[in-house]
């Protein structure tokens, strides 16, 4: 955003106006005031999400910050994932699904997004539609943190096999 503002200011300047290089102290101050990189921002948001997990009053302020982050960084799958998880914790199932689907559209190799989609479909009672996302999570994260939980979930959502017909 700082770069966009600087470009806009530069475009507004007439060619007749010379631009002097900033004084060293002023240049250092500008660097210190620069907006953190998207990576630094997402690291901070992810840390704060981890600290606030399951504490609604601490999660609520993160939702608008994450919304602003993904609006400014629409190709950041990690941002969409955390946003989806915060919305899920806040019981905004539709918003969470929208963010999780956006996450896989941005980066289909983000295992956590597939896990979130599977969970949301299971919550919605769409058991058979949860199978694919759960299986995709296992493909992408065979040693992942939630492997055992996803394996249990798959047992819950898979249609029961019909009993074999006894032979006569």
Protein backbone atom coordinates (compact mmCIF):
# COMPACT_ATOMS: atom_id res chain seq x y z
CA UNK A 1 0.00 0.00 0.00
CA UNK A 2 2.87 2.34 0.74
CA UNK A 3 4.18 1.73 -2.77
CA UNK A 4 0.76 2.45 -4.31
CA UNK A 5 0.48 5.70 -2.36
CA UNK A 6 4.00 6.68 -3.38
CA UNK A 7 3.25 5.93 -7.02
CA UNK A 8 0.03 7.92 -6.85
CA UNK A 9 1.88 10.87 -5.33
CA UNK A 10 4.58 10.58 -7.98
CA UNK A 11 2.01 10.54 -10.76
CA UNK A 12 0.39 13.67 -9.37
CA UNK A 13 3.67 15.60 -9.42
CA UNK A 14 4.24 17.67 -12.52
CA UNK A 15 7.40 16.95 -14.52
CA UNK A 16 8.69 20.47 -13.81
CA UNK A 17 8.97 19.76 -10.09
CA UNK A 18 12.35 18.24 -9.31
CA UNK A 19 12.50 15.60 -6.64
CA UNK A 20 15.33 15.83 -4.18
CA UNK A 21 16.54 12.67 -2.53
CA UNK A 22 15.37 12.46 1.08
CA UNK A 23 17.77 13.29 3.86
CA UNK A 24 19.31 10.14 5.41
CA UNK A 25 17.36 10.60 8.67
CA UNK A 26 14.11 11.09 6.77
CA UNK A 27 14.78 8.01 4.61
CA UNK A 28 15.42 5.89 7.72
CA UNK A 29 12.15 7.16 9.25
CA UNK A 30 10.26 6.22 6.07
CA UNK A 31 11.68 2.69 6.20
CA UNK A 32 10.64 2.33 9.85
CA UNK A 33 7.10 3.49 9.02
CA UNK A 34 6.74 1.16 6.04
CA UNK A 35 3.91 -1.33 6.24
CA UNK A 36 5.05 -4.84 7.16
CA UNK A 37 5.29 -7.37 4.36
CA UNK A 38 2.33 -9.70 3.76
CA UNK A 39 4.45 -12.54 5.17
CA UNK A 40 5.09 -10.61 8.39
CA UNK A 41 1.43 -9.63 8.61
CA UNK A 42 0.19 -13.20 8.16
CA UNK A 43 2.74 -14.48 10.69
CA UNK A 44 1.40 -11.98 13.22
CA UNK A 45 -2.24 -12.81 12.45
CA UNK A 46 -1.54 -16.54 12.66
CA UNK A 47 0.22 -16.10 16.01
CA UNK A 48 -2.66 -14.05 17.37
CA UNK A 49 -5.17 -16.61 16.08
CA UNK A 50 -3.29 -19.37 17.90
CA UNK A 51 -3.30 -17.35 21.11
CA UNK A 52 -7.01 -16.51 20.82
CA UNK A 53 -8.31 -19.88 19.65
CA UNK A 54 -11.62 -20.85 21.22
CA UNK A 55 -11.87 -17.51 23.03
CA UNK A 56 -14.61 -15.72 21.12
CA UNK A 57 -13.90 -12.30 22.65
CA UNK A 58 -10.30 -12.53 21.43
CA UNK A 59 -11.24 -13.96 18.02
CA UNK A 60 -13.86 -11.36 17.10
CA UNK A 61 -11.37 -8.51 16.50
CA UNK A 62 -9.31 -10.75 14.20
CA UNK A 63 -12.14 -11.27 11.68
CA UNK A 64 -12.15 -7.68 10.32
CA UNK A 65 -8.35 -7.58 10.32
CA UNK A 66 -8.21 -10.82 8.34
CA UNK A 67 -10.92 -9.58 6.00
CA UNK A 68 -8.83 -6.48 5.30
CA UNK A 69 -5.71 -8.61 4.89
CA UNK A 70 -7.24 -10.97 2.31
CA UNK A 71 -8.81 -8.02 0.50
CA UNK A 72 -5.36 -6.46 0.19
CA UNK A 73 -3.66 -9.83 -0.48
CA UNK A 74 -6.23 -11.92 -2.37
CA UNK A 75 -3.61 -14.45 -3.53
CA UNK A 76 -2.45 -15.32 -0.01
CA UNK A 77 -3.76 -18.82 0.74
CA UNK A 78 -2.55 -18.69 4.36
CA UNK A 79 -4.63 -15.57 4.92
CA UNK A 80 -7.73 -17.25 3.49
CA UNK A 81 -7.12 -20.33 5.63
CA UNK A 82 -6.80 -18.41 8.90
CA UNK A 83 -9.76 -16.21 7.96
CA UNK A 84 -11.84 -19.32 7.27
CA UNK A 85 -10.85 -20.85 10.60
CA UNK A 86 -11.63 -17.69 12.56
CA UNK A 87 -15.05 -17.43 10.88
CA UNK A 88 -15.71 -21.09 11.71
CA UNK A 89 -14.80 -20.47 15.36
CA UNK A 90 -17.21 -17.49 15.29
CA UNK A 91 -19.90 -19.83 13.86
CA UNK A 92 -20.11 -18.04 10.51
CA UNK A 93 -20.32 -21.28 8.55
CA UNK A 94 -21.18 -19.65 5.22
CA UNK A 95 -18.39 -17.10 5.48
CA UNK A 96 -15.96 -19.81 6.54
CA UNK A 97 -16.88 -21.98 3.54
CA UNK A 98 -16.50 -19.04 1.17
CA UNK A 99 -13.03 -18.25 2.56
CA UNK A 100 -11.96 -21.94 2.48
CA UNK A 101 -13.11 -22.30 -1.12
CA UNK A 102 -11.24 -19.12 -2.02
CA UNK A 103 -8.18 -20.60 -0.31
CA UNK A 104 -8.17 -23.72 -2.51
CA UNK A 105 -8.82 -21.58 -5.58
CA UNK A 106 -5.68 -19.60 -4.73
CA UNK A 107 -3.56 -22.64 -3.83
CA UNK A 108 -5.08 -26.09 -4.15
CA UNK A 109 -2.13 -27.60 -2.27
CA UNK A 110 -3.05 -25.95 1.03
CA UNK A 111 -4.06 -28.99 3.08
CA UNK A 112 -5.72 -27.01 5.88
CA UNK A 113 -8.20 -25.50 3.45
CA UNK A 114 -9.30 -28.94 2.32
CA UNK A 115 -9.67 -30.02 5.93
CA UNK A 116 -11.83 -26.98 6.66
CA UNK A 117 -14.04 -27.66 3.62
CA UNK A 118 -14.47 -31.29 4.67
CA UNK A 119 -15.40 -30.27 8.20
CA UNK A 120 -17.84 -27.61 7.02
CA UNK A 121 -19.54 -30.06 4.67
CA UNK A 122 -19.81 -32.61 7.45
CA UNK A 123 -21.30 -29.95 9.77
CA UNK A 124 -23.81 -29.08 7.06
CA UNK A 125 -24.86 -32.74 6.88
CA UNK A 126 -23.29 -33.15 3.43
CA UNK A 127 -21.49 -36.31 4.49
CA UNK A 128 -20.69 -37.70 1.05
CA UNK A 129 -19.44 -34.28 -0.14
CA UNK A 130 -17.05 -34.20 2.83
CA UNK A 131 -15.22 -37.34 1.68
CA UNK A 132 -13.28 -35.75 -1.20
CA UNK A 133 -11.92 -32.81 0.81
CA UNK A 134 -10.96 -35.08 3.71
CA UNK A 135 -9.17 -37.46 1.33
CA UNK A 136 -7.40 -34.52 -0.33
CA UNK A 137 -6.17 -33.37 3.09
CA UNK A 138 -4.68 -36.83 3.69
CA UNK A 139 -3.01 -36.80 0.26
CA UNK A 140 -1.44 -33.39 0.89
CA UNK A 141 -0.53 -33.92 4.55
CA UNK A 142 0.02 -37.65 5.14
CA UNK A 143 2.00 -36.80 8.28
CA UNK A 144 -0.17 -33.78 9.16
CA UNK A 145 -1.34 -32.73 12.56
CA UNK A 146 -4.93 -33.85 12.01
CA UNK A 147 -4.43 -37.18 10.21
CA UNK A 148 -6.01 -39.29 12.96
CA UNK A 149 -9.01 -36.98 13.30
CA UNK A 150 -9.54 -36.97 9.53
CA UNK A 151 -9.34 -40.76 9.39
CA UNK A 152 -12.05 -40.94 12.08
CA UNK A 153 -14.11 -38.37 10.20
CA UNK A 154 -13.88 -40.43 7.02
CA UNK A 155 -15.28 -43.41 8.89
CA UNK A 156 -18.20 -41.25 10.03
CA UNK A 157 -19.02 -39.78 6.64
CA UNK A 158 -18.51 -42.73 4.32
CA UNK A 159 -21.72 -44.52 3.45
CA UNK A 160 -22.00 -47.74 5.31
CA UNK A 161 -21.26 -50.78 3.24
CA UNK A 162 -24.30 -52.96 2.78
CA UNK A 163 -24.15 -56.25 4.60
CA UNK A 164 -23.15 -59.07 2.27
CA UNK A 165 -26.03 -61.23 1.26
CA UNK A 166 -25.64 -64.69 2.76
CA UNK A 167 -25.21 -67.43 0.18
CA UNK A 168 -27.65 -70.25 0.19
